[in-house]
């Protein structure tokens, strides 16, 4: 198994505090396999400054935004098992949002601007990944 680690540092950034992104068009990393396909294994490790790391499971709410940061430009979280329906949609039987309901909501066609609609092949790959979890 191939192990890739991406580390990015900029001399103007204060590494001791969180810095919000300054560009919405900058791509951090692109992983491509031998045949041009993305890697099959989505094992994500977060490395801290102390060289310790933490594994992130594919069902973690940070997984999708970390894999597809261009599709989450407002730093929103992905689906998680504790996500609840809004008050108007909640009932005694239906409190939590299922993963399928979440992705149906994300992929819904609306009459307003959608970053997903403008993302082309990246959106297609996101659909494939989200339906294969």
Protein backbone atom coordinates (compact mmCIF):
# COMPACT_ATOMS: atom_id res chain seq x y z
CA UNK A 1 0.00 0.00 0.00
CA UNK A 2 1.31 3.40 -0.94
CA UNK A 3 1.49 6.01 1.84
CA UNK A 4 1.31 9.67 0.82
CA UNK A 5 1.70 12.57 3.22
CA UNK A 6 0.99 16.15 2.22
CA UNK A 7 2.51 18.93 4.28
CA UNK A 8 2.08 22.57 3.35
CA UNK A 9 3.68 25.52 5.08
CA UNK A 10 3.81 29.14 4.07
CA UNK A 11 6.32 31.55 5.64
CA UNK A 12 3.68 34.30 6.06
CA UNK A 13 1.25 32.11 8.04
CA UNK A 14 1.20 31.91 11.81
CA UNK A 15 1.35 28.14 12.40
CA UNK A 16 0.27 28.51 16.04
CA UNK A 17 -3.28 29.60 15.20
CA UNK A 18 -5.90 28.72 12.64
CA UNK A 19 -5.71 30.69 9.44
CA UNK A 20 -8.81 30.91 7.26
CA UNK A 21 -8.26 30.19 3.57
CA UNK A 22 -7.37 33.25 1.53
CA UNK A 23 -8.14 31.79 -1.88
CA UNK A 24 -11.11 29.75 -3.04
CA UNK A 25 -9.41 28.65 -6.25
CA UNK A 26 -6.28 27.06 -4.78
CA UNK A 27 -6.09 23.25 -4.89
CA UNK A 28 -4.22 21.71 -1.96
CA UNK A 29 -3.52 18.22 -3.30
CA UNK A 30 -4.67 15.84 -6.00
CA UNK A 31 -4.19 12.08 -5.68
CA UNK A 32 -4.31 9.99 -8.84
CA UNK A 33 -3.65 6.26 -9.16
CA UNK A 34 -1.68 4.44 -11.86
CA UNK A 35 -4.61 4.24 -14.30
CA UNK A 36 -5.82 7.80 -13.62
CA UNK A 37 -8.41 6.74 -11.05
CA UNK A 38 -8.47 8.08 -7.48
CA UNK A 39 -7.10 5.82 -4.72
CA UNK A 40 -9.53 3.12 -3.58
CA UNK A 41 -8.60 3.36 0.09
CA UNK A 42 -9.78 6.49 1.87
CA UNK A 43 -7.66 6.09 4.99
CA UNK A 44 -7.00 9.61 6.24
CA UNK A 45 -4.41 10.35 8.92
CA UNK A 46 -4.18 13.77 10.54
CA UNK A 47 -0.65 14.57 11.71
CA UNK A 48 -0.16 17.07 14.50
CA UNK A 49 2.89 19.23 15.14
CA UNK A 50 4.16 16.64 17.64
CA UNK A 51 4.32 13.98 14.86
CA UNK A 52 1.50 11.99 16.41
CA UNK A 53 -1.42 11.13 14.17
CA UNK A 54 -5.10 10.29 14.31
CA UNK A 55 -6.98 8.16 11.77
CA UNK A 56 -10.23 9.55 10.38
CA UNK A 57 -12.84 7.01 9.30
CA UNK A 58 -14.77 7.54 6.05
CA UNK A 59 -17.97 8.14 8.08
CA UNK A 60 -16.41 10.97 10.10
CA UNK A 61 -18.10 14.35 9.49
CA UNK A 62 -14.71 15.83 8.54
CA UNK A 63 -13.92 13.16 5.94
CA UNK A 64 -15.79 14.64 2.95
CA UNK A 65 -14.64 18.25 3.57
CA UNK A 66 -11.02 17.06 3.89
CA UNK A 67 -11.17 14.96 0.71
CA UNK A 68 -13.20 17.52 -1.28
CA UNK A 69 -12.35 20.96 0.18
CA UNK A 70 -13.46 22.72 -3.03
CA UNK A 71 -16.98 21.34 -2.57
CA UNK A 72 -17.20 22.67 1.00
CA UNK A 73 -16.04 26.30 0.55
CA UNK A 74 -17.87 27.54 3.65
CA UNK A 75 -16.17 24.98 5.92
CA UNK A 76 -19.37 23.11 6.64
CA UNK A 77 -19.21 19.56 8.02
CA UNK A 78 -20.32 16.46 6.18
CA UNK A 79 -22.88 13.90 7.37
CA UNK A 80 -22.66 12.46 10.88
CA UNK A 81 -24.77 9.89 12.71
CA UNK A 82 -26.06 12.49 15.21
CA UNK A 83 -27.38 14.90 12.57
CA UNK A 84 -31.01 15.74 13.33
CA UNK A 85 -33.88 16.82 11.10
CA UNK A 86 -34.94 20.44 11.31
CA UNK A 87 -37.85 21.04 13.67
CA UNK A 88 -40.46 21.17 10.86
CA UNK A 89 -39.43 17.75 9.51
CA UNK A 90 -38.88 15.99 12.84
CA UNK A 91 -41.31 13.42 14.19
CA UNK A 92 -41.27 10.78 16.92
CA UNK A 93 -40.15 8.15 14.39
CA UNK A 94 -37.87 10.42 12.39
CA UNK A 95 -35.35 12.34 14.48
CA UNK A 96 -32.00 11.61 12.84
CA UNK A 97 -30.99 12.27 9.23
CA UNK A 98 -29.83 9.14 7.43
CA UNK A 99 -26.78 9.22 5.21
CA UNK A 100 -29.00 8.66 2.16
CA UNK A 101 -31.24 11.61 3.12
CA UNK A 102 -28.18 13.83 3.62
CA UNK A 103 -26.77 13.08 0.17
CA UNK A 104 -30.20 13.46 -1.47
CA UNK A 105 -30.36 16.92 0.09
CA UNK A 106 -26.78 17.78 -1.02
CA UNK A 107 -27.39 16.61 -4.60
CA UNK A 108 -30.85 18.19 -5.01
CA UNK A 109 -31.31 20.55 -7.96
CA UNK A 110 -32.25 24.07 -6.88
CA UNK A 111 -32.87 27.40 -8.62
CA UNK A 112 -29.90 29.04 -6.88
CA UNK A 113 -26.14 28.82 -7.46
CA UNK A 114 -24.69 25.46 -6.44
CA UNK A 115 -20.96 24.80 -6.21
CA UNK A 116 -21.71 21.12 -6.92
CA UNK A 117 -23.36 21.90 -10.27
CA UNK A 118 -20.30 23.88 -11.37
CA UNK A 119 -17.72 21.28 -10.25
CA UNK A 120 -17.84 18.95 -13.27
CA UNK A 121 -15.80 15.76 -12.89
CA UNK A 122 -15.00 16.54 -9.26
CA UNK A 123 -18.74 16.45 -8.50
CA UNK A 124 -19.05 13.16 -10.39
CA UNK A 125 -16.25 11.64 -8.31
CA UNK A 126 -17.89 12.96 -5.12
CA UNK A 127 -21.14 11.20 -6.10
CA UNK A 128 -19.30 7.93 -6.73
CA UNK A 129 -17.42 8.16 -3.42
CA UNK A 130 -20.48 9.09 -1.39
CA UNK A 131 -22.51 6.19 -2.77
CA UNK A 132 -19.74 3.66 -2.14
CA UNK A 133 -19.37 4.20 1.61
